[in-house]
Amino acid sequence: RGCAVENEIVQLSNGEKKYIQDVKHGDIVVGHDEKPHKVLFTYEYDCDEEVVTLSTEDDNSLTMTKDHKVYAIKKEDFEKGIRQPSWYPMEELNEGDYLVELDD
């Protein structure tokens, strides 16, 4: 569950990255469960949910609904030596948390 807004990037199972609006029926995308999922339907609709924007040190940003899951390591875990990322709803991330890119 969760919604990406226009111009957000998603990763295909072959490692290619696309803007969410360019994903087509039949594409295979990597989901928050790290598994490939075939796109069966695409929709365009106005999102009436609250959105959250995360900014990164390199001036990139992600804007998605509060419940959209992001692969990350919490800052407090990192400081304890825990380097295993998990999926967190956007609203649970804080300044200093580490966003993790999925391997190809």
Protein backbone atom coordinates (compact mmCIF):
# COMPACT_ATOMS: atom_id res chain seq x y z
CA ARG A 1 0.00 0.00 0.00
CA GLY A 2 1.13 3.53 -0.55
CA CYS A 3 1.16 5.89 -3.45
CA ALA A 4 3.91 7.46 -5.48
CA VAL A 5 3.31 10.86 -7.01
CA GLU A 6 4.25 11.92 -10.54
CA ASN A 7 8.00 12.04 -11.33
CA GLU A 8 8.99 9.58 -8.60
CA ILE A 9 11.39 6.86 -9.74
CA VAL A 10 10.67 3.14 -9.47
CA GLN A 11 13.06 0.28 -10.14
CA LEU A 12 12.31 -2.46 -12.61
CA SER A 13 13.47 -6.02 -11.95
CA ASN A 14 16.16 -5.66 -14.66
CA GLY A 15 17.73 -2.74 -12.75
CA GLU A 16 16.32 -0.06 -15.06
CA LYS A 17 14.70 2.91 -13.36
CA LYS A 18 11.61 4.70 -14.66
CA TYR A 19 9.40 7.55 -13.61
CA ILE A 20 6.22 6.14 -12.09
CA GLN A 21 4.09 7.67 -14.86
CA ASP A 22 6.17 5.82 -17.50
CA VAL A 23 5.58 2.36 -16.00
CA LYS A 24 3.45 0.31 -18.39
CA HIS A 25 1.24 -2.75 -18.21
CA GLY A 26 3.55 -5.77 -18.28
CA ASP A 27 6.60 -4.06 -16.72
CA ILE A 28 8.07 -5.92 -13.79
CA VAL A 29 8.81 -3.64 -10.83
CA VAL A 30 10.56 -4.30 -7.52
CA GLY A 31 8.09 -3.93 -4.66
CA HIS A 32 8.64 -3.02 -1.03
CA ASP A 33 8.96 -6.76 -0.35
CA GLU A 34 12.07 -6.80 -2.61
CA LYS A 35 10.31 -9.18 -5.01
CA PRO A 36 9.48 -8.60 -8.67
CA HIS A 37 5.83 -7.82 -9.43
CA LYS A 38 4.26 -7.69 -12.89
CA VAL A 39 2.26 -4.52 -13.45
CA LEU A 40 -1.28 -5.61 -14.23
CA PHE A 41 -3.02 -2.23 -14.14
CA THR A 42 -1.96 1.40 -14.19
CA TYR A 43 -4.06 4.25 -12.91
CA GLU A 44 -3.92 8.00 -13.02
CA TYR A 45 -5.79 9.71 -10.25
CA ASP A 46 -5.57 12.63 -7.92
CA CYS A 47 -4.07 11.62 -4.60
CA ASP A 48 -6.18 12.97 -1.76
CA GLU A 49 -3.95 11.52 0.96
CA GLU A 50 -1.37 13.45 2.93
CA VAL A 51 2.04 13.30 1.30
CA VAL A 52 5.51 13.51 2.81
CA THR A 53 8.67 14.76 1.09
CA LEU A 54 12.08 13.43 2.07
CA SER A 55 15.14 15.39 0.97
CA THR A 56 18.60 13.88 0.63
CA GLU A 57 22.03 15.44 1.04
CA ASP A 58 22.54 15.40 -2.74
CA ASP A 59 19.42 17.56 -3.27
CA ASN A 60 17.19 14.69 -4.43
CA SER A 61 13.76 14.25 -2.94
CA LEU A 62 10.99 11.66 -2.67
CA THR A 63 7.36 12.69 -2.37
CA MET A 64 4.91 9.91 -1.54
CA THR A 65 1.98 9.19 0.73
CA LYS A 66 2.77 8.88 4.44
CA ASP A 67 2.26 5.11 4.38
CA HIS A 68 4.46 4.43 1.33
CA LYS A 69 7.31 2.16 2.39
CA VAL A 70 10.94 3.13 1.89
CA TYR A 71 14.01 0.86 2.28
CA ALA A 72 16.15 2.45 4.97
CA ILE A 73 18.33 2.09 8.05
CA LYS A 74 17.24 4.13 11.06
CA LYS A 75 19.99 6.43 12.39
CA GLU A 76 19.74 4.99 15.89
CA ASP A 77 20.20 1.44 14.51
CA PHE A 78 23.17 2.52 12.38
CA GLU A 79 24.83 4.07 15.43
CA LYS A 80 24.39 0.73 17.26
CA GLY A 81 26.17 -1.07 14.39
CA ILE A 82 23.00 -2.47 12.84
CA ARG A 83 23.42 -2.27 9.07
CA GLN A 84 20.42 -4.36 7.97
CA PRO A 85 17.88 -2.16 6.17
CA SER A 86 14.13 -2.58 6.61
CA TRP A 87 11.02 -1.18 4.97
CA TYR A 88 9.56 1.81 6.83
CA PRO A 89 6.50 3.96 6.10
CA MET A 90 7.66 7.40 4.94
CA GLU A 91 6.11 9.03 8.01
CA GLU A 92 8.40 6.99 10.33
CA LEU A 93 11.66 8.28 8.82
CA ASN A 94 13.58 11.11 10.45
CA GLU A 95 16.46 13.39 9.63
CA GLY A 96 19.67 11.36 9.67
CA ASP A 97 18.09 8.05 8.65
CA TYR A 98 19.77 6.32 5.71
CA LEU A 99 17.87 5.54 2.49
CA VAL A 100 19.09 2.31 0.89
CA GLU A 101 19.12 1.56 -2.83
CA LEU A 102 18.20 -1.95 -3.89
CA ASP A 103 20.95 -3.91 -5.63
CA ASP A 104 20.44 -4.75 -9.29
